[in-house]
Amino acid sequence: MNLKEIADELVAGCREDRAKENLNKLYATDAVSVEAQEMEGMGRETHGVEGIRGKHEWWEGAHEVSGASVSEPYLHGDDRFAVIFEVQGKVKESGETFDMKEVGIYHVANGKIVREEFFY
């Protein structure tokens, strides 16, 4: 897959609630995910596609999403793209509501996402 195909499929997967299904298809097995700040007991960096899958599972278990949108991808050269995510919901444990917006930057090499970085 080329950069545009990967970016378009990532966005489609997020919009169609199949982001976890896309992990093996779009991500390198040793991909790295970096958050803007530490996540509860998980640090900022997660290594490997299975670790990234675990982040998805943690998010789904800890949050109730009431609304979400994903922008079209913004391509940068032949090895990066960005996507803007907007999510509304609540933290299941506390009931605290949230309205967040973040930018995901994705680095691609050899037809796979090798690094993702989130900014908010």
PDB file of N, CA and C in Angstrom:
ATOM      1  N   MET A   1       0.843  -1.184   0.000  1.00  0.00           N
ATOM      2  CA  MET A   1       0.000   0.000   0.000  1.00  0.00           C
ATOM      3  C   MET A   1       0.886   1.244   0.000  1.00  0.00           C
ATOM      4  N   ASN A   2       0.440   2.256  -0.713  1.00  0.00           N
ATOM      5  CA  ASN A   2       1.178   3.514  -0.691  1.00  0.00           C
ATOM      6  C   ASN A   2       0.656   4.402   0.443  1.00  0.00           C
ATOM      7  N   LEU A   3       1.279   5.546   0.646  1.00  0.00           N
ATOM      8  CA  LEU A   3       0.940   6.436   1.749  1.00  0.00           C
ATOM      9  C   LEU A   3      -0.536   6.815   1.748  1.00  0.00           C
ATOM     10  N   LYS A   4      -1.053   7.233   0.607  1.00  0.00           N
ATOM     11  CA  LYS A   4      -2.459   7.657   0.532  1.00  0.00           C
ATOM     12  C   LYS A   4      -3.403   6.503   0.857  1.00  0.00           C
ATOM     13  N   GLU A   5      -3.111   5.326   0.358  1.00  0.00           N
ATOM     14  CA  GLU A   5      -3.961   4.162   0.639  1.00  0.00           C
ATOM     15  C   GLU A   5      -3.954   3.826   2.134  1.00  0.00           C
ATOM     16  N   ILE A   6      -2.799   3.878   2.751  1.00  0.00           N
ATOM     17  CA  ILE A   6      -2.695   3.615   4.188  1.00  0.00           C
ATOM     18  C   ILE A   6      -3.475   4.665   4.973  1.00  0.00           C
ATOM     19  N   ALA A   7      -3.262   5.937   4.632  1.00  0.00           N
ATOM     20  CA  ALA A   7      -3.952   7.022   5.327  1.00  0.00           C
ATOM     21  C   ALA A   7      -5.465   6.909   5.160  1.00  0.00           C
ATOM     22  N   ASP A   8      -5.923   6.669   3.951  1.00  0.00           N
ATOM     23  CA  ASP A   8      -7.366   6.546   3.705  1.00  0.00           C
ATOM     24  C   ASP A   8      -7.962   5.365   4.461  1.00  0.00           C
ATOM     25  N   GLU A   9      -7.239   4.250   4.516  1.00  0.00           N
ATOM     26  CA  GLU A   9      -7.747   3.070   5.219  1.00  0.00           C
ATOM     27  C   GLU A   9      -7.755   3.282   6.727  1.00  0.00           C
ATOM     28  N   LEU A  10      -6.756   3.981   7.263  1.00  0.00           N
ATOM     29  CA  LEU A  10      -6.766   4.281   8.693  1.00  0.00           C
ATOM     30  C   LEU A  10      -8.000   5.112   9.040  1.00  0.00           C
ATOM     31  N   VAL A  11      -8.265   6.159   8.258  1.00  0.00           N
ATOM     32  CA  VAL A  11      -9.424   7.017   8.500  1.00  0.00           C
ATOM     33  C   VAL A  11     -10.720   6.219   8.365  1.00  0.00           C
ATOM     34  N   ALA A  12     -10.852   5.433   7.306  1.00  0.00           N
ATOM     35  CA  ALA A  12     -12.067   4.626   7.106  1.00  0.00           C
ATOM     36  C   ALA A  12     -12.264   3.667   8.279  1.00  0.00           C
ATOM     37  N   GLY A  13     -11.186   3.029   8.724  1.00  0.00           N
ATOM     38  CA  GLY A  13     -11.284   2.098   9.846  1.00  0.00           C
ATOM     39  C   GLY A  13     -11.747   2.777  11.118  1.00  0.00           C
ATOM     40  N   CYS A  14     -11.257   3.988  11.371  1.00  0.00           N
ATOM     41  CA  CYS A  14     -11.697   4.734  12.549  1.00  0.00           C
ATOM     42  C   CYS A  14     -13.169   5.108  12.433  1.00  0.00           C
ATOM     43  N   ARG A  15     -13.570   5.554  11.290  1.00  0.00           N
ATOM     44  CA  ARG A  15     -14.963   5.968  11.088  1.00  0.00           C
ATOM     45  C   ARG A  15     -15.932   4.793  11.132  1.00  0.00           C
ATOM     46  N   GLU A  16     -15.472   3.629  10.714  1.00  0.00           N
ATOM     47  CA  GLU A  16     -16.339   2.441  10.631  1.00  0.00           C
ATOM     48  C   GLU A  16     -16.150   1.503  11.817  1.00  0.00           C
ATOM     49  N   ASP A  17     -15.507   1.963  12.870  1.00  0.00           N
ATOM     50  CA  ASP A  17     -15.296   1.201  14.098  1.00  0.00           C
ATOM     51  C   ASP A  17     -14.571  -0.122  13.862  1.00  0.00           C
ATOM     52  N   ARG A  18     -13.526  -0.065  13.035  1.00  0.00           N
ATOM     53  CA  ARG A  18     -12.707  -1.252  12.800  1.00  0.00           C
ATOM     54  C   ARG A  18     -11.220  -0.912  12.877  1.00  0.00           C
ATOM     55  N   ALA A  19     -10.906   0.042  13.753  1.00  0.00           N
ATOM     56  CA  ALA A  19      -9.512   0.466  13.926  1.00  0.00           C
ATOM     57  C   ALA A  19      -8.647  -0.691  14.427  1.00  0.00           C
ATOM     58  N   LYS A  20      -9.156  -1.474  15.382  1.00  0.00           N
ATOM     59  CA  LYS A  20      -8.365  -2.604  15.899  1.00  0.00           C
ATOM     60  C   LYS A  20      -8.147  -3.657  14.812  1.00  0.00           C
ATOM     61  N   GLU A  21      -9.143  -3.878  13.976  1.00  0.00           N
ATOM     62  CA  GLU A  21      -9.007  -4.846  12.881  1.00  0.00           C
ATOM     63  C   GLU A  21      -7.914  -4.413  11.915  1.00  0.00           C
ATOM     64  N   ASN A  22      -7.708  -3.115  11.772  1.00  0.00           N
ATOM     65  CA  ASN A  22      -6.718  -2.582  10.836  1.00  0.00           C
ATOM     66  C   ASN A  22      -5.289  -2.638  11.364  1.00  0.00           C
ATOM     67  N   LEU A  23      -5.103  -2.913  12.633  1.00  0.00           N
ATOM     68  CA  LEU A  23      -3.749  -2.864  13.193  1.00  0.00           C
ATOM     69  C   LEU A  23      -2.781  -3.789  12.458  1.00  0.00           C
ATOM     70  N   ASN A  24      -3.140  -5.051  12.284  1.00  0.00           N
ATOM     71  CA  ASN A  24      -2.237  -5.980  11.595  1.00  0.00           C
ATOM     72  C   ASN A  24      -2.062  -5.621  10.122  1.00  0.00           C
ATOM     73  N   LYS A  25      -3.084  -5.049   9.530  1.00  0.00           N
ATOM     74  CA  LYS A  25      -3.034  -4.686   8.112  1.00  0.00           C
ATOM     75  C   LYS A  25      -2.155  -3.463   7.864  1.00  0.00           C
ATOM     76  N   LEU A  26      -2.230  -2.464   8.751  1.00  0.00           N
ATOM     77  CA  LEU A  26      -1.593  -1.172   8.500  1.00  0.00           C
ATOM     78  C   LEU A  26      -0.296  -0.936   9.265  1.00  0.00           C
ATOM     79  N   TYR A  27      -0.089  -1.633  10.378  1.00  0.00           N
ATOM     80  CA  TYR A  27       1.042  -1.347  11.258  1.00  0.00           C
ATOM     81  C   TYR A  27       2.144  -2.393  11.133  1.00  0.00           C
ATOM     82  N   ALA A  28       3.392  -1.924  11.236  1.00  0.00           N
ATOM     83  CA  ALA A  28       4.538  -2.831  11.328  1.00  0.00           C
ATOM     84  C   ALA A  28       4.464  -3.529  12.689  1.00  0.00           C
ATOM     85  N   THR A  29       4.953  -4.749  12.755  1.00  0.00           N
ATOM     86  CA  THR A  29       4.885  -5.494  14.022  1.00  0.00           C
ATOM     87  C   THR A  29       5.642  -4.790  15.143  1.00  0.00           C
ATOM     88  N   ASP A  30       6.663  -4.003  14.801  1.00  0.00           N
ATOM     89  CA  ASP A  30       7.445  -3.296  15.821  1.00  0.00           C
ATOM     90  C   ASP A  30       7.133  -1.798  15.871  1.00  0.00           C
ATOM     91  N   ALA A  31       5.942  -1.415  15.443  1.00  0.00           N
ATOM     92  CA  ALA A  31       5.538  -0.006  15.442  1.00  0.00           C
ATOM     93  C   ALA A  31       5.573   0.570  16.859  1.00  0.00           C
ATOM     94  N   VAL A  32       5.733   1.891  16.933  1.00  0.00           N
ATOM     95  CA  VAL A  32       5.789   2.602  18.209  1.00  0.00           C
ATOM     96  C   VAL A  32       4.668   3.633  18.237  1.00  0.00           C
ATOM     97  N   SER A  33       3.995   3.726  19.376  1.00  0.00           N
ATOM     98  CA  SER A  33       2.946   4.712  19.583  1.00  0.00           C
ATOM     99  C   SER A  33       3.364   5.624  20.726  1.00  0.00           C
ATOM    100  N   VAL A  34       3.291   6.946  20.517  1.00  0.00           N
ATOM    101  CA  VAL A  34       3.734   7.912  21.525  1.00  0.00           C
ATOM    102  C   VAL A  34       2.595   8.874  21.847  1.00  0.00           C
ATOM    103  N   GLU A  35       2.238   8.928  23.121  1.00  0.00           N
ATOM    104  CA  GLU A  35       1.204   9.845  23.594  1.00  0.00           C
ATOM    105  C   GLU A  35       1.832  11.173  23.982  1.00  0.00           C
ATOM    106  N   ALA A  36       1.026  12.225  24.041  1.00  0.00           N
ATOM    107  CA  ALA A  36       1.503  13.548  24.419  1.00  0.00           C
ATOM    108  C   ALA A  36       1.898  13.599  25.892  1.00  0.00           C
ATOM    109  N   GLN A  37       1.262  12.776  26.703  1.00  0.00           N
ATOM    110  CA  GLN A  37       1.599  12.696  28.127  1.00  0.00           C
ATOM    111  C   GLN A  37       1.381  11.272  28.606  1.00  0.00           C
ATOM    112  N   GLU A  38       1.872  10.968  29.795  1.00  0.00           N
ATOM    113  CA  GLU A  38       1.760   9.612  30.321  1.00  0.00           C
ATOM    114  C   GLU A  38       0.311   9.183  30.443  1.00  0.00           C
ATOM    115  N   MET A  39       0.083   7.919  30.093  1.00  0.00           N
ATOM    116  CA  MET A  39      -1.238   7.325  30.287  1.00  0.00           C
ATOM    117  C   MET A  39      -1.180   6.512  31.571  1.00  0.00           C
ATOM    118  N   GLU A  40      -2.272   6.465  32.287  1.00  0.00           N
ATOM    119  CA  GLU A  40      -2.389   5.795  33.582  1.00  0.00           C
ATOM    120  C   GLU A  40      -1.561   4.518  33.675  1.00  0.00           C
ATOM    121  N   GLY A  41      -0.368   4.628  34.249  1.00  0.00           N
ATOM    122  CA  GLY A  41       0.476   3.474  34.486  1.00  0.00           C
ATOM    123  C   GLY A  41       1.091   2.847  33.255  1.00  0.00           C
ATOM    124  N   MET A  42       0.912   3.463  32.090  1.00  0.00           N
ATOM    125  CA  MET A  42       1.421   2.874  30.852  1.00  0.00           C
ATOM    126  C   MET A  42       2.572   3.671  30.255  1.00  0.00           C
ATOM    127  N   GLY A  43       2.892   4.825  30.824  1.00  0.00           N
ATOM    128  CA  GLY A  43       3.937   5.651  30.239  1.00  0.00           C
ATOM    129  C   GLY A  43       3.456   6.346  28.985  1.00  0.00           C
ATOM    130  N   ARG A  44       4.387   6.912  28.257  1.00  0.00           N
ATOM    131  CA  ARG A  44       4.049   7.626  27.028  1.00  0.00           C
ATOM    132  C   ARG A  44       4.211   6.764  25.794  1.00  0.00           C
ATOM    133  N   GLU A  45       5.166   5.826  25.810  1.00  0.00           N
ATOM    134  CA  GLU A  45       5.457   5.035  24.607  1.00  0.00           C
ATOM    135  C   GLU A  45       4.982   3.599  24.745  1.00  0.00           C
ATOM    136  N   THR A  46       4.426   3.117  23.661  1.00  0.00           N
ATOM    137  CA  THR A  46       4.017   1.717  23.572  1.00  0.00           C
ATOM    138  C   THR A  46       4.722   1.129  22.363  1.00  0.00           C
ATOM    139  N   HIS A  47       5.317  -0.045  22.544  1.00  0.00           N
ATOM    140  CA  HIS A  47       6.082  -0.678  21.474  1.00  0.00           C
ATOM    141  C   HIS A  47       5.394  -1.950  20.997  1.00  0.00           C
ATOM    142  N   GLY A  48       5.312  -2.102  19.696  1.00  0.00           N
ATOM    143  CA  GLY A  48       4.760  -3.302  19.082  1.00  0.00           C
ATOM    144  C   GLY A  48       3.278  -3.204  18.829  1.00  0.00           C
ATOM    145  N   VAL A  49       2.851  -3.855  17.767  1.00  0.00           N
ATOM    146  CA  VAL A  49       1.443  -3.795  17.370  1.00  0.00           C
ATOM    147  C   VAL A  49       0.539  -4.398  18.449  1.00  0.00           C
ATOM    148  N   GLU A  50       1.009  -5.408  19.176  1.00  0.00           N
ATOM    149  CA  GLU A  50       0.182  -5.981  20.239  1.00  0.00           C
ATOM    150  C   GLU A  50       0.036  -5.009  21.399  1.00  0.00           C
ATOM    151  N   GLY A  51       1.073  -4.250  21.697  1.00  0.00           N
ATOM    152  CA  GLY A  51       0.971  -3.211  22.715  1.00  0.00           C
ATOM    153  C   GLY A  51      -0.005  -2.123  22.300  1.00  0.00           C
ATOM    154  N   ILE A  52       0.032  -1.752  21.039  1.00  0.00           N
ATOM    155  CA  ILE A  52      -0.901  -0.749  20.521  1.00  0.00           C
ATOM    156  C   ILE A  52      -2.332  -1.293  20.584  1.00  0.00           C
ATOM    157  N   ARG A  53      -2.510  -2.572  20.293  1.00  0.00           N
ATOM    158  CA  ARG A  53      -3.831  -3.199  20.427  1.00  0.00           C
ATOM    159  C   ARG A  53      -4.313  -3.086  21.879  1.00  0.00           C
ATOM    160  N   GLY A  54      -3.387  -3.294  22.826  1.00  0.00           N
ATOM    161  CA  GLY A  54      -3.723  -3.160  24.243  1.00  0.00           C
ATOM    162  C   GLY A  54      -4.176  -1.756  24.603  1.00  0.00           C
ATOM    163  N   LYS A  55      -3.556  -0.743  23.991  1.00  0.00           N
ATOM    164  CA  LYS A  55      -3.996   0.639  24.218  1.00  0.00           C
ATOM    165  C   LYS A  55      -5.430   0.836  23.741  1.00  0.00           C
ATOM    166  N   HIS A  56      -5.757   0.275  22.599  1.00  0.00           N
ATOM    167  CA  HIS A  56      -7.126   0.379  22.081  1.00  0.00           C
ATOM    168  C   HIS A  56      -8.102  -0.280  23.059  1.00  0.00           C
ATOM    169  N   GLU A  57      -7.735  -1.454  23.555  1.00  0.00           N
ATOM    170  CA  GLU A  57      -8.620  -2.172  24.476  1.00  0.00           C
ATOM    171  C   GLU A  57      -8.782  -1.410  25.787  1.00  0.00           C
ATOM    172  N   TRP A  58      -7.681  -0.832  26.295  1.00  0.00           N
ATOM    173  CA  TRP A  58      -7.770  -0.025  27.508  1.00  0.00           C
ATOM    174  C   TRP A  58      -8.724   1.151  27.285  1.00  0.00           C
ATOM    175  N   TRP A  59      -8.560   1.866  26.178  1.00  0.00           N
ATOM    176  CA  TRP A  59      -9.405   3.031  25.882  1.00  0.00           C
ATOM    177  C   TRP A  59     -10.879   2.626  25.859  1.00  0.00           C
ATOM    178  N   GLU A  60     -11.184   1.552  25.146  1.00  0.00           N
ATOM    179  CA  GLU A  60     -12.575   1.099  25.038  1.00  0.00           C
ATOM    180  C   GLU A  60     -13.146   0.694  26.395  1.00  0.00           C
ATOM    181  N   GLY A  61     -12.317   0.082  27.244  1.00  0.00           N
ATOM    182  CA  GLY A  61     -12.784  -0.346  28.557  1.00  0.00           C
ATOM    183  C   GLY A  61     -12.960   0.790  29.545  1.00  0.00           C
ATOM    184  N   ALA A  62     -12.210   1.874  29.390  1.00  0.00           N
ATOM    185  CA  ALA A  62     -12.208   2.966  30.361  1.00  0.00           C
ATOM    186  C   ALA A  62     -13.099   4.143  29.985  1.00  0.00           C
ATOM    187  N   HIS A  63     -13.544   4.202  28.716  1.00  0.00           N
ATOM    188  CA  HIS A  63     -14.288   5.375  28.254  1.00  0.00           C
ATOM    189  C   HIS A  63     -15.574   4.974  27.532  1.00  0.00           C
ATOM    190  N   GLU A  64     -16.564   5.818  27.683  1.00  0.00           N
ATOM    191  CA  GLU A  64     -17.814   5.669  26.941  1.00  0.00           C
ATOM    192  C   GLU A  64     -17.874   6.837  25.965  1.00  0.00           C
ATOM    193  N   VAL A  65     -17.813   6.538  24.685  1.00  0.00           N
ATOM    194  CA  VAL A  65     -17.773   7.578  23.655  1.00  0.00           C
ATOM    195  C   VAL A  65     -19.197   7.905  23.209  1.00  0.00           C
ATOM    196  N   SER A  66     -19.539   9.192  23.233  1.00  0.00           N
ATOM    197  CA  SER A  66     -20.872   9.621  22.805  1.00  0.00           C
ATOM    198  C   SER A  66     -20.839  10.305  21.439  1.00  0.00           C
ATOM    199  N   GLY A  67     -19.660  10.686  20.990  1.00  0.00           N
ATOM    200  CA  GLY A  67     -19.518  11.308  19.681  1.00  0.00           C
ATOM    201  C   GLY A  67     -18.065  11.322  19.264  1.00  0.00           C
ATOM    202  N   ALA A  68     -17.840  11.216  17.969  1.00  0.00           N
ATOM    203  CA  ALA A  68     -16.463  11.236  17.472  1.00  0.00           C
ATOM    204  C   ALA A  68     -16.448  11.613  16.002  1.00  0.00           C
ATOM    205  N   SER A  69     -15.353  12.249  15.605  1.00  0.00           N
ATOM    206  CA  SER A  69     -15.152  12.524  14.183  1.00  0.00           C
ATOM    207  C   SER A  69     -13.661  12.393  13.875  1.00  0.00           C
ATOM    208  N   VAL A  70     -13.392  12.061  12.625  1.00  0.00           N
ATOM    209  CA  VAL A  70     -12.026  11.889  12.145  1.00  0.00           C
ATOM    210  C   VAL A  70     -11.915  12.665  10.835  1.00  0.00           C
ATOM    211  N   SER A  71     -10.920  13.531  10.751  1.00  0.00           N
ATOM    212  CA  SER A  71     -10.738  14.330   9.542  1.00  0.00           C
ATOM    213  C   SER A  71     -10.234  13.463   8.391  1.00  0.00           C
ATOM    214  N   GLU A  72     -10.243  14.037   7.227  1.00  0.00           N
ATOM    215  CA  GLU A  72      -9.538  13.412   6.110  1.00  0.00           C
ATOM    216  C   GLU A  72      -8.047  13.489   6.432  1.00  0.00           C
ATOM    217  N   PRO A  73      -7.233  12.610   5.888  1.00  0.00           N
ATOM    218  CA  PRO A  73      -5.798  12.671   6.183  1.00  0.00           C
ATOM    219  C   PRO A  73      -5.108  13.829   5.466  1.00  0.00           C
ATOM    220  N   TYR A  74      -4.097  14.374   6.128  1.00  0.00           N
ATOM    221  CA  TYR A  74      -3.253  15.413   5.562  1.00  0.00           C
ATOM    222  C   TYR A  74      -1.911  14.759   5.242  1.00  0.00           C
ATOM    223  N   LEU A  75      -1.603  14.605   3.981  1.00  0.00           N
ATOM    224  CA  LEU A  75      -0.375  13.933   3.560  1.00  0.00           C
ATOM    225  C   LEU A  75       0.815  14.893   3.635  1.00  0.00           C
ATOM    226  N   HIS A  76       1.972  14.348   3.985  1.00  0.00           N
ATOM    227  CA  HIS A  76       3.196  15.139   4.099  1.00  0.00           C
ATOM    228  C   HIS A  76       4.328  14.338   3.455  1.00  0.00           C
ATOM    229  N   GLY A  77       4.758  14.761   2.281  1.00  0.00           N
ATOM    230  CA  GLY A  77       5.802  14.034   1.574  1.00  0.00           C
ATOM    231  C   GLY A  77       5.331  12.636   1.218  1.00  0.00           C
ATOM    232  N   ASP A  78       6.263  11.694   1.256  1.00  0.00           N
ATOM    233  CA  ASP A  78       5.891  10.324   0.910  1.00  0.00           C
ATOM    234  C   ASP A  78       6.002   9.380   2.096  1.00  0.00           C
ATOM    235  N   ASP A  79       6.149   9.949   3.319  1.00  0.00           N
ATOM    236  CA  ASP A  79       6.327   9.054   4.464  1.00  0.00           C
ATOM    237  C   ASP A  79       5.558   9.447   5.724  1.00  0.00           C
ATOM    238  N   ARG A  80       4.704  10.480   5.658  1.00  0.00           N
ATOM    239  CA  ARG A  80       3.954  10.898   6.840  1.00  0.00           C
ATOM    240  C   ARG A  80       2.578  11.416   6.478  1.00  0.00           C
ATOM    241  N   PHE A  81       1.683  11.293   7.425  1.00  0.00           N
ATOM    242  CA  PHE A  81       0.371  11.934   7.290  1.00  0.00           C
ATOM    243  C   PHE A  81      -0.163  12.246   8.684  1.00  0.00           C
ATOM    244  N   ALA A  82      -1.116  13.167   8.719  1.00  0.00           N
ATOM    245  CA  ALA A  82      -1.734  13.573   9.980  1.00  0.00           C
ATOM    246  C   ALA A  82      -3.245  13.427   9.864  1.00  0.00           C
ATOM    247  N   VAL A  83      -3.871  13.202  11.015  1.00  0.00           N
ATOM    248  CA  VAL A  83      -5.324  13.096  11.103  1.00  0.00           C
ATOM    249  C   VAL A  83      -5.743  13.833  12.369  1.00  0.00           C
ATOM    250  N   ILE A  84      -6.866  14.551  12.309  1.00  0.00           N
ATOM    251  CA  ILE A  84      -7.404  15.232  13.480  1.00  0.00           C
ATOM    252  C   ILE A  84      -8.575  14.411  14.014  1.00  0.00           C
ATOM    253  N   PHE A  85      -8.488  14.087  15.303  1.00  0.00           N
ATOM    254  CA  PHE A  85      -9.541  13.325  15.981  1.00  0.00           C
ATOM    255  C   PHE A  85     -10.275  14.241  16.959  1.00  0.00           C
ATOM    256  N   GLU A  86     -11.604  14.151  16.996  1.00  0.00           N
ATOM    257  CA  GLU A  86     -12.408  14.839  18.000  1.00  0.00           C
ATOM    258  C   GLU A  86     -13.297  13.796  18.645  1.00  0.00           C
ATOM    259  N   VAL A  87     -13.281  13.745  19.976  1.00  0.00           N
ATOM    260  CA  VAL A  87     -14.025  12.721  20.704  1.00  0.00           C
ATOM    261  C   VAL A  87     -14.737  13.359  21.892  1.00  0.00           C
ATOM    262  N   GLN A  88     -15.996  12.987  22.073  1.00  0.00           N
ATOM    263  CA  GLN A  88     -16.764  13.402  23.234  1.00  0.00           C
ATOM    264  C   GLN A  88     -17.209  12.134  23.967  1.00  0.00           C
ATOM    265  N   GLY A  89     -17.218  12.210  25.288  1.00  0.00           N
ATOM    266  CA  GLY A  89     -17.656  11.050  26.050  1.00  0.00           C
ATOM    267  C   GLY A  89     -17.478  11.243  27.524  1.00  0.00           C
ATOM    268  N   LYS A  90     -17.370  10.095  28.251  1.00  0.00           N
ATOM    269  CA  LYS A  90     -17.142  10.167  29.685  1.00  0.00           C
ATOM    270  C   LYS A  90     -16.239   9.024  30.124  1.00  0.00           C
ATOM    271  N   VAL A  91     -15.539   9.282  31.219  1.00  0.00           N
ATOM    272  CA  VAL A  91     -14.699   8.279  31.842  1.00  0.00           C
ATOM    273  C   VAL A  91     -15.633   7.376  32.644  1.00  0.00           C
ATOM    274  N   LYS A  92     -15.609   6.086  32.368  1.00  0.00           N
ATOM    275  CA  LYS A  92     -16.548   5.159  33.013  1.00  0.00           C
ATOM    276  C   LYS A  92     -16.411   5.161  34.526  1.00  0.00           C
ATOM    277  N   GLU A  93     -15.194   5.136  35.030  1.00  0.00           N
ATOM    278  CA  GLU A  93     -14.970   5.017  36.472  1.00  0.00           C
ATOM    279  C   GLU A  93     -15.474   6.222  37.251  1.00  0.00           C
ATOM    280  N   SER A  94     -15.217   7.426  36.740  1.00  0.00           N
ATOM    281  CA  SER A  94     -15.569   8.638  37.490  1.00  0.00           C
ATOM    282  C   SER A  94     -16.854   9.308  37.016  1.00  0.00           C
ATOM    283  N   GLY A  95     -17.269   9.003  35.800  1.00  0.00           N
ATOM    284  CA  GLY A  95     -18.424   9.680  35.231  1.00  0.00           C
ATOM    285  C   GLY A  95     -18.085  11.049  34.660  1.00  0.00           C
ATOM    286  N   GLU A  96     -16.814  11.453  34.754  1.00  0.00           N
ATOM    287  CA  GLU A  96     -16.368  12.753  34.244  1.00  0.00           C
ATOM    288  C   GLU A  96     -16.508  12.789  32.723  1.00  0.00           C
ATOM    289  N   THR A  97     -17.111  13.857  32.225  1.00  0.00           N
ATOM    290  CA  THR A  97     -17.269  13.992  30.776  1.00  0.00           C
ATOM    291  C   THR A  97     -16.034  14.681  30.198  1.00  0.00           C
ATOM    292  N   PHE A  98     -15.816  14.454  28.926  1.00  0.00           N
ATOM    293  CA  PHE A  98     -14.681  15.084  28.254  1.00  0.00           C
ATOM    294  C   PHE A  98     -15.055  15.412  26.815  1.00  0.00           C
ATOM    295  N   ASP A  99     -14.344  16.376  26.285  1.00  0.00           N
ATOM    296  CA  ASP A  99     -14.460  16.805  24.896  1.00  0.00           C
ATOM    297  C   ASP A  99     -13.027  17.059  24.449  1.00  0.00           C
ATOM    298  N   MET A 100     -12.442  16.136  23.707  1.00  0.00           N
ATOM    299  CA  MET A 100     -11.031  16.263  23.365  1.00  0.00           C
ATOM    300  C   MET A 100     -10.817  16.344  21.865  1.00  0.00           C
ATOM    301  N   LYS A 101      -9.722  16.962  21.528  1.00  0.00           N
ATOM    302  CA  LYS A 101      -9.300  17.084  20.139  1.00  0.00           C
ATOM    303  C   LYS A 101      -7.812  16.803  20.113  1.00  0.00           C
ATOM    304  N   GLU A 102      -7.370  15.933  19.218  1.00  0.00           N
ATOM    305  CA  GLU A 102      -5.950  15.645  19.112  1.00  0.00           C
ATOM    306  C   GLU A 102      -5.569  15.410  17.659  1.00  0.00           C
ATOM    307  N   VAL A 103      -4.288  15.588  17.400  1.00  0.00           N
ATOM    308  CA  VAL A 103      -3.730  15.343  16.074  1.00  0.00           C
ATOM    309  C   VAL A 103      -2.868  14.093  16.171  1.00  0.00           C
ATOM    310  N   GLY A 104      -3.063  13.180  15.261  1.00  0.00           N
ATOM    311  CA  GLY A 104      -2.216  12.004  15.160  1.00  0.00           C
ATOM    312  C   GLY A 104      -1.295  12.166  13.966  1.00  0.00           C
ATOM    313  N   ILE A 105      -0.007  12.004  14.182  1.00  0.00           N
ATOM    314  CA  ILE A 105       0.989  12.045  13.107  1.00  0.00           C
ATOM    315  C   ILE A 105       1.462  10.609  12.898  1.00  0.00           C
ATOM    316  N   TYR A 106       1.399  10.134  11.678  1.00  0.00           N
ATOM    317  CA  TYR A 106       1.746   8.749  11.355  1.00  0.00           C
ATOM    318  C   TYR A 106       2.940   8.724  10.412  1.00  0.00           C
ATOM    319  N   HIS A 107       3.938   7.924  10.766  1.00  0.00           N
ATOM    320  CA  HIS A 107       5.146   7.756   9.959  1.00  0.00           C
ATOM    321  C   HIS A 107       5.058   6.394   9.273  1.00  0.00           C
ATOM    322  N   VAL A 108       5.317   6.363   7.971  1.00  0.00           N
ATOM    323  CA  VAL A 108       5.173   5.148   7.169  1.00  0.00           C
ATOM    324  C   VAL A 108       6.504   4.775   6.532  1.00  0.00           C
ATOM    325  N   ALA A 109       6.829   3.483   6.572  1.00  0.00           N
ATOM    326  CA  ALA A 109       8.020   2.947   5.894  1.00  0.00           C
ATOM    327  C   ALA A 109       7.686   1.544   5.400  1.00  0.00           C
ATOM    328  N   ASN A 110       8.111   1.240   4.198  1.00  0.00           N
ATOM    329  CA  ASN A 110       7.904  -0.087   3.611  1.00  0.00           C
ATOM    330  C   ASN A 110       6.439  -0.526   3.634  1.00  0.00           C
ATOM    331  N   GLY A 111       5.533   0.411   3.383  1.00  0.00           N
ATOM    332  CA  GLY A 111       4.120   0.092   3.268  1.00  0.00           C
ATOM    333  C   GLY A 111       3.393  -0.149   4.579  1.00  0.00           C
ATOM    334  N   LYS A 112       3.973   0.261   5.717  1.00  0.00           N
ATOM    335  CA  LYS A 112       3.340   0.062   7.027  1.00  0.00           C
ATOM    336  C   LYS A 112       3.561   1.288   7.912  1.00  0.00           C
ATOM    337  N   ILE A 113       2.664   1.514   8.845  1.00  0.00           N
ATOM    338  CA  ILE A 113       2.855   2.560   9.843  1.00  0.00           C
ATOM    339  C   ILE A 113       3.898   2.050  10.840  1.00  0.00           C
ATOM    340  N   VAL A 114       4.953   2.832  11.032  1.00  0.00           N
ATOM    341  CA  VAL A 114       6.024   2.428  11.951  1.00  0.00           C
ATOM    342  C   VAL A 114       6.033   3.260  13.230  1.00  0.00           C
ATOM    343  N   ARG A 115       5.353   4.410  13.204  1.00  0.00           N
ATOM    344  CA  ARG A 115       5.312   5.278  14.388  1.00  0.00           C
ATOM    345  C   ARG A 115       4.075   6.160  14.297  1.00  0.00           C
ATOM    346  N   GLU A 116       3.421   6.313  15.438  1.00  0.00           N
ATOM    347  CA  GLU A 116       2.316   7.271  15.545  1.00  0.00           C
ATOM    348  C   GLU A 116       2.578   8.134  16.762  1.00  0.00           C
ATOM    349  N   GLU A 117       2.268   9.428  16.620  1.00  0.00           N
ATOM    350  CA  GLU A 117       2.478  10.377  17.699  1.00  0.00           C
ATOM    351  C   GLU A 117       1.217  11.213  17.834  1.00  0.00           C
ATOM    352  N   PHE A 118       0.771  11.400  19.080  1.00  0.00           N
ATOM    353  CA  PHE A 118      -0.458  12.146  19.311  1.00  0.00           C
ATOM    354  C   PHE A 118      -0.166  13.447  20.022  1.00  0.00           C
ATOM    355  N   PHE A 119      -0.781  14.543  19.551  1.00  0.00           N
ATOM    356  CA  PHE A 119      -0.596  15.889  20.074  1.00  0.00           C
ATOM    357  C   PHE A 119      -1.962  16.429  20.467  1.00  0.00           C
ATOM    358  N   TYR A 120      -2.028  17.001  21.650  1.00  0.00           N
ATOM    359  CA  TYR A 120      -3.277  17.686  22.055  1.00  0.00           C
ATOM    360  C   TYR A 120      -3.016  18.773  23.042  1.00  0.00           C
TER     361      TYR A 120
END
